Amino acid sequence: MKTESNLEKVLNAGHLAVTSECGPPRGALPEEVVKKSKYLEGVVDAVNITDNQTAMVRMSSFAASVITKQQGLHPLLQMVTRDRNRLAMQADIIGAYSLGIDTMLCLSGDHTKFGDHPMAANVHDIDSVQLIQMVKQMRDEGKFQGGADLKGDPPKMFIGAAANPFADPFELRVMRLAKKINAGADFIQTQCIFNVDKFEKWMEGVRARRLHEKCYILAGITPIKSVGAAKFMQNRVPGMEVPQEIVDRMAATPKEEQPEEGIKICVEAIERLKNVEGVAGFHIMAIEWEEKVEEIVKRAGLYPRPQV
């Protein structure tokens, strides 16, 4: 055990972990964070709090993480390198840890051209791999990146990173994962998995390099609400691969039954992925559909969550 993170405890005990997401509101609306937190209470081991998701201004991940923790959940602080330099990021890391937040996800972030401030500068003082290294150095060596010693207890963060098994070139995806693990990532959350065959092929490469023995891999799962959502993800979301058979299956389902069909597809994927060696758990991204996470977790046989 490197930290006191609830997520690390669940994974270290050998249980299939479950995480989910809570997107902060686009305003000073703490009650929205509380509402979403209530949907996830008792059904996940940690809750990702996104950081200006899709490059659009939202309540800070830091603030929403504190609100989520006040509700008795275990927040997973997301941090993107797009918006801050290394001084600001290190300040937020020690600030978050001082408030009891001990799990984080290191990301580059979506380019600002995709958001509501396309004119904004992308900072990227360091990249996501360097962010992982920086957090690890702060935790394990008690040093800031600049070399000075931290005062007091170092921030014992359980360090996460993201992986996309479907981006091009596919041949380099495992190598990219290895780079993040070598930098210090303790766990990985993957992009949404719809093409299970391709994910299994990626996992073959992961196992060939024994990366699953060095890091916990959580498979990303997203329930589809409608055929329109399936087509949007297939055609408009970079790095996401939605097979045509899933689009066709949703299209063949009556409109009022499509949400239920989307959840069926989601549960089927979880059941299949449970049998993939190296999958340590699931990251359920029910975007603006948090009220369905409990149903998915229960139908997939992932409930009750372990007490560790």
Protein backbone atom coordinates (compact mmCIF):
# COMPACT_ATOMS: atom_id res chain seq x y z
CA MET A 1 0.00 0.00 0.00
CA LYS A 2 1.42 3.34 -1.11
CA THR A 3 -1.48 5.47 0.15
CA GLU A 4 -4.66 5.47 2.21
CA SER A 5 -6.79 5.71 -0.95
CA ASN A 6 -10.00 3.69 -0.77
CA LEU A 7 -9.52 2.77 -4.42
CA GLU A 8 -6.06 1.39 -3.74
CA LYS A 9 -7.39 -0.62 -0.80
CA VAL A 10 -10.10 -2.21 -2.95
CA LEU A 11 -7.66 -3.06 -5.74
CA ASN A 12 -4.95 -4.26 -3.35
CA ALA A 13 -7.47 -6.64 -1.75
CA GLY A 14 -8.09 -8.24 -5.16
CA HIS A 15 -11.62 -6.97 -5.74
CA LEU A 16 -12.86 -5.71 -9.10
CA ALA A 17 -12.95 -1.95 -8.53
CA VAL A 18 -15.70 0.37 -9.76
CA THR A 19 -15.28 4.08 -10.39
CA SER A 20 -17.58 6.58 -12.02
CA GLU A 21 -17.67 10.28 -12.93
CA CYS A 22 -19.26 13.46 -11.71
CA GLY A 23 -19.05 16.40 -14.09
CA PRO A 24 -19.06 19.71 -12.13
CA PRO A 25 -21.71 22.28 -13.09
CA ARG A 26 -21.19 25.37 -15.26
CA GLY A 27 -21.92 27.69 -12.35
CA ALA A 28 -21.73 28.12 -8.58
CA LEU A 29 -24.20 25.30 -7.98
CA PRO A 30 -22.91 23.03 -5.19
CA GLU A 31 -26.36 21.43 -4.97
CA GLU A 32 -25.79 19.88 -8.42
CA VAL A 33 -22.59 18.21 -7.18
CA VAL A 34 -24.46 16.96 -4.11
CA LYS A 35 -27.28 15.57 -6.28
CA LYS A 36 -24.90 13.66 -8.54
CA SER A 37 -22.94 12.39 -5.53
CA LYS A 38 -26.11 10.91 -4.02
CA TYR A 39 -26.65 8.80 -7.15
CA LEU A 40 -23.19 7.25 -6.71
CA GLU A 41 -23.21 6.81 -2.93
CA GLY A 42 -22.45 3.23 -1.94
CA VAL A 43 -22.16 1.91 -5.51
CA VAL A 44 -18.63 3.00 -6.54
CA ASP A 45 -15.22 3.00 -4.87
CA ALA A 46 -14.17 6.44 -6.13
CA VAL A 47 -15.74 9.28 -8.12
CA ASN A 48 -13.81 11.07 -10.86
CA ILE A 49 -14.33 14.83 -10.66
CA THR A 50 -13.62 16.12 -14.14
CA ASP A 51 -11.40 19.16 -14.78
CA ASN A 52 -12.99 21.63 -17.24
CA GLN A 53 -14.25 18.66 -19.22
CA THR A 54 -14.35 19.13 -23.02
CA ALA A 55 -12.42 22.39 -22.51
CA MET A 56 -15.50 24.18 -21.21
CA VAL A 57 -15.50 26.29 -18.04
CA ARG A 58 -16.99 24.48 -15.06
CA MET A 59 -16.71 24.51 -11.29
CA SER A 60 -13.14 23.53 -10.45
CA SER A 61 -12.35 19.87 -9.94
CA PHE A 62 -10.73 20.86 -6.62
CA ALA A 63 -13.88 22.53 -5.26
CA ALA A 64 -16.23 19.82 -6.52
CA SER A 65 -13.94 17.15 -5.02
CA VAL A 66 -14.21 18.83 -1.61
CA ILE A 67 -18.02 18.94 -1.88
CA THR A 68 -18.07 15.27 -2.92
CA LYS A 69 -15.88 14.31 0.04
CA GLN A 70 -18.22 16.20 2.37
CA GLN A 71 -20.97 13.85 1.13
CA GLY A 72 -18.95 10.86 2.37
CA LEU A 73 -17.70 9.68 -1.03
CA HIS A 74 -14.12 9.19 -2.21
CA PRO A 75 -13.30 11.85 -4.84
CA LEU A 76 -10.78 11.19 -7.58
CA LEU A 77 -9.30 14.59 -8.46
CA GLN A 78 -8.70 15.03 -12.18
CA MET A 79 -5.95 17.42 -13.20
CA VAL A 80 -5.16 18.51 -16.76
CA THR A 81 -1.90 20.13 -17.85
CA ARG A 82 -3.77 22.33 -20.33
CA ASP A 83 -4.82 24.97 -17.81
CA ARG A 84 -1.99 25.37 -15.26
CA ASN A 85 1.74 25.55 -15.01
CA ARG A 86 3.70 23.28 -12.70
CA LEU A 87 3.63 25.74 -9.77
CA ALA A 88 -0.17 25.91 -9.79
CA MET A 89 -0.51 22.14 -10.15
CA GLN A 90 1.83 21.40 -7.24
CA ALA A 91 -0.01 23.96 -5.11
CA ASP A 92 -3.33 22.25 -5.89
CA ILE A 93 -1.88 18.80 -5.15
CA ILE A 94 -0.73 19.71 -1.65
CA GLY A 95 -3.89 21.73 -1.09
CA ALA A 96 -6.11 18.81 -2.10
CA TYR A 97 -4.17 16.37 0.06
CA SER A 98 -4.41 18.70 3.04
CA LEU A 99 -8.21 18.43 2.70
CA GLY A 100 -8.17 14.61 2.64
CA ILE A 101 -8.15 13.99 -1.11
CA ASP A 102 -5.70 11.17 -1.81
CA THR A 103 -6.49 9.91 -5.33
CA MET A 104 -5.94 11.73 -8.63
CA LEU A 105 -5.89 11.29 -12.40
CA CYS A 106 -3.20 12.97 -14.52
CA LEU A 107 -4.34 14.12 -17.96
CA SER A 108 -3.34 16.43 -20.80
CA GLY A 109 -6.91 17.68 -21.38
CA ASP A 110 -8.91 18.40 -24.52
CA HIS A 111 -7.55 21.19 -26.73
CA THR A 112 -9.20 24.55 -26.08
CA LYS A 113 -10.35 24.78 -29.73
CA PHE A 114 -13.00 22.15 -28.89
CA GLY A 115 -14.45 24.16 -26.00
CA ASP A 116 -16.20 27.44 -25.33
CA HIS A 117 -12.97 29.50 -25.23
CA PRO A 118 -11.17 28.54 -28.46
CA MET A 119 -9.03 31.66 -28.14
CA ALA A 120 -7.60 30.57 -24.78
CA ALA A 121 -3.94 29.58 -24.52
CA ASN A 122 -3.08 25.94 -23.87
CA VAL A 123 -0.52 26.05 -21.08
CA HIS A 124 1.05 22.55 -21.25
CA ASP A 125 4.05 23.65 -19.22
CA ILE A 126 4.52 19.91 -18.72
CA ASP A 127 2.73 16.96 -20.31
CA SER A 128 0.70 14.23 -18.63
CA VAL A 129 3.68 11.87 -18.30
CA GLN A 130 5.73 14.59 -16.61
CA LEU A 131 2.76 15.32 -14.33
CA ILE A 132 2.72 11.68 -13.26
CA GLN A 133 6.46 11.87 -12.56
CA MET A 134 6.01 15.09 -10.60
CA VAL A 135 3.27 13.68 -8.36
CA LYS A 136 5.33 10.53 -7.74
CA GLN A 137 8.38 12.60 -6.80
CA MET A 138 6.30 14.67 -4.39
CA ARG A 139 4.84 11.52 -2.82
CA ASP A 140 7.85 9.20 -2.70
CA GLU A 141 10.73 11.66 -2.29
CA GLY A 142 9.02 14.56 -0.56
CA LYS A 143 10.37 16.99 -3.13
CA PHE A 144 8.91 19.62 -5.40
CA GLN A 145 9.79 19.26 -9.06
CA GLY A 146 12.22 22.16 -8.73
CA GLY A 147 14.23 20.16 -6.18
CA ALA A 148 13.22 21.85 -2.91
CA ASP A 149 12.01 19.71 -0.03
CA LEU A 150 8.34 19.65 0.89
CA LYS A 151 7.59 20.60 4.48
CA GLY A 152 5.55 18.22 6.58
CA ASP A 153 3.94 15.04 5.31
CA PRO A 154 4.24 14.52 1.53
CA PRO A 155 0.99 14.23 -0.47
CA LYS A 156 0.39 10.48 -0.55
CA MET A 157 -1.58 10.41 -3.79
CA PHE A 158 -2.71 7.20 -5.52
CA ILE A 159 -1.73 8.16 -9.06
CA GLY A 160 -3.90 7.46 -12.06
CA ALA A 161 -3.58 8.04 -15.80
CA ALA A 162 -5.70 7.51 -18.89
CA ALA A 163 -5.15 5.19 -21.85
CA ASN A 164 -6.86 5.00 -25.23
CA PRO A 165 -6.54 1.52 -26.77
CA PHE A 166 -8.26 2.73 -29.96
CA ALA A 167 -6.28 5.79 -31.06
CA ASP A 168 -3.99 5.68 -34.07
CA PRO A 169 -1.43 4.34 -34.55
CA PHE A 170 -2.74 1.30 -32.69
CA GLU A 171 0.71 -0.33 -32.69
CA LEU A 172 2.02 2.37 -30.32
CA ARG A 173 -0.81 2.23 -27.78
CA VAL A 174 0.84 -0.34 -25.51
CA MET A 175 4.14 1.53 -25.68
CA ARG A 176 2.35 4.73 -24.63
CA LEU A 177 0.82 2.87 -21.68
CA ALA A 178 4.22 1.54 -20.66
CA LYS A 179 5.60 5.07 -20.66
CA LYS A 180 2.93 6.20 -18.19
CA ILE A 181 3.44 3.18 -15.96
CA ASN A 182 7.20 3.71 -15.94
CA ALA A 183 6.59 7.33 -14.98
CA GLY A 184 4.72 6.18 -11.88
CA ALA A 185 1.05 5.56 -12.71
CA ASP A 186 -0.53 3.22 -10.15
CA PHE A 187 -3.79 2.71 -12.05
CA ILE A 188 -5.18 3.33 -15.52
CA GLN A 189 -8.66 4.26 -16.69
CA THR A 190 -9.25 3.53 -20.37
CA GLN A 191 -11.30 5.26 -23.05
CA CYS A 192 -14.89 4.01 -23.48
CA ILE A 193 -14.86 0.45 -24.80
CA PHE A 194 -17.40 -0.43 -27.48
CA ASN A 195 -15.08 -2.46 -29.73
CA VAL A 196 -14.40 -5.23 -27.24
CA ASP A 197 -12.48 -7.33 -29.78
CA LYS A 198 -9.96 -4.54 -30.33
CA PHE A 199 -9.64 -3.92 -26.59
CA GLU A 200 -8.89 -7.61 -26.04
CA LYS A 201 -6.18 -7.41 -28.70
CA TRP A 202 -4.71 -4.38 -26.88
CA MET A 203 -4.76 -6.34 -23.63
CA GLU A 204 -2.79 -9.12 -25.32
CA GLY A 205 -0.02 -6.58 -25.89
CA VAL A 206 -0.37 -5.36 -22.30
CA ARG A 207 0.07 -8.88 -20.96
CA ALA A 208 2.96 -9.61 -23.32
CA ARG A 209 4.88 -6.80 -21.59
CA ARG A 210 3.50 -7.80 -18.16
CA LEU A 211 2.18 -4.28 -17.67
CA HIS A 212 -0.94 -5.57 -15.92
CA GLU A 213 1.36 -6.79 -13.15
CA LYS A 214 2.77 -3.30 -12.61
CA CYS A 215 -0.44 -1.27 -12.73
CA TYR A 216 -4.18 -1.73 -12.20
CA ILE A 217 -6.23 -1.34 -15.40
CA LEU A 218 -9.84 -0.18 -15.17
CA ALA A 219 -11.86 -0.73 -18.34
CA GLY A 220 -13.89 2.31 -19.44
CA ILE A 221 -17.61 1.70 -19.94
CA THR A 222 -20.27 4.13 -21.22
CA PRO A 223 -24.02 3.39 -21.50
CA ILE A 224 -25.61 4.68 -24.70
CA LYS A 225 -28.90 6.58 -24.35
CA SER A 226 -30.01 6.56 -27.99
CA VAL A 227 -29.06 5.75 -31.57
CA GLY A 228 -28.29 9.46 -32.01
CA ALA A 229 -25.75 9.28 -29.19
CA ALA A 230 -24.20 6.16 -30.73
CA LYS A 231 -23.83 7.89 -34.11
CA PHE A 232 -22.38 11.01 -32.48
CA MET A 233 -19.72 8.99 -30.64
CA GLN A 234 -19.00 6.99 -33.79
CA ASN A 235 -18.54 10.01 -36.04
CA ARG A 236 -17.72 13.03 -33.90
CA VAL A 237 -15.68 11.94 -30.87
CA PRO A 238 -11.96 11.60 -31.63
CA GLY A 239 -10.31 8.41 -30.39
CA MET A 240 -13.58 6.58 -29.77
CA GLU A 241 -14.49 3.50 -31.79
CA VAL A 242 -18.14 2.45 -31.96
CA PRO A 243 -18.69 -0.62 -34.20
CA GLN A 244 -21.47 -0.37 -36.77
CA GLU A 245 -23.24 -3.38 -35.26
CA ILE A 246 -23.87 -1.40 -32.06
CA VAL A 247 -25.30 1.52 -34.05
CA ASP A 248 -27.47 -0.92 -36.01
CA ARG A 249 -28.65 -2.62 -32.82
CA MET A 250 -29.70 0.72 -31.32
CA ALA A 251 -31.36 1.77 -34.58
CA ALA A 252 -33.39 -1.44 -34.66
CA THR A 253 -34.73 -0.74 -31.17
CA PRO A 254 -37.88 1.39 -30.72
CA LYS A 255 -37.00 4.90 -29.56
CA GLU A 256 -38.61 4.54 -26.13
CA GLU A 257 -36.67 1.31 -25.51
CA GLN A 258 -33.26 2.59 -26.63
CA PRO A 259 -32.06 3.67 -23.15
CA GLU A 260 -32.74 0.16 -21.82
CA GLU A 261 -30.99 -1.39 -24.85
CA GLY A 262 -27.99 0.86 -24.24
CA ILE A 263 -27.76 -0.36 -20.65
CA LYS A 264 -28.01 -3.98 -21.85
CA ILE A 265 -25.06 -3.41 -24.19
CA CYS A 266 -23.13 -1.84 -21.32
CA VAL A 267 -23.79 -4.74 -18.93
CA GLU A 268 -22.93 -7.30 -21.63
CA ALA A 269 -19.58 -5.60 -22.16
CA ILE A 270 -18.80 -5.67 -18.44
CA GLU A 271 -19.67 -9.36 -18.20
CA ARG A 272 -17.34 -10.17 -21.10
CA LEU A 273 -14.53 -7.96 -19.84
CA LYS A 274 -14.63 -9.59 -16.40
CA ASN A 275 -13.01 -12.59 -18.06
CA VAL A 276 -10.13 -10.64 -19.64
CA GLU A 277 -6.91 -11.28 -17.74
CA GLY A 278 -5.47 -8.00 -16.50
CA VAL A 279 -8.75 -6.09 -16.13
CA ALA A 280 -8.81 -4.97 -12.50
CA GLY A 281 -12.12 -3.14 -12.54
CA PHE A 282 -14.41 -0.76 -14.42
CA HIS A 283 -14.73 2.97 -14.90
CA ILE A 284 -18.39 3.72 -15.69
CA MET A 285 -18.79 7.03 -17.53
CA ALA A 286 -22.53 7.66 -17.48
CA ILE A 287 -22.25 11.26 -18.66
CA GLU A 288 -25.20 13.28 -17.31
CA TRP A 289 -26.87 9.92 -16.61
CA GLU A 290 -25.42 9.27 -13.16
CA GLU A 291 -28.78 7.98 -11.89
CA LYS A 292 -28.24 4.79 -13.96
CA VAL A 293 -24.86 3.85 -12.47
CA GLU A 294 -26.40 1.96 -9.53
CA GLU A 295 -28.57 -0.11 -11.87
CA ILE A 296 -25.58 -0.93 -14.10
CA VAL A 297 -23.39 -1.93 -11.15
CA LYS A 298 -26.09 -4.18 -9.72
CA ARG A 299 -27.05 -5.80 -13.02
CA ALA A 300 -23.38 -6.48 -13.77
CA GLY A 301 -22.92 -8.32 -10.49
CA LEU A 302 -20.59 -5.69 -9.02
CA TYR A 303 -22.72 -4.94 -5.97
CA PRO A 304 -22.38 -4.66 -3.02
CA ARG A 305 -19.09 -2.84 -3.03
CA PRO A 306 -16.46 -4.24 -0.66
CA GLN A 307 -15.73 -2.54 2.65
CA VAL A 308 -11.96 -2.33 3.08
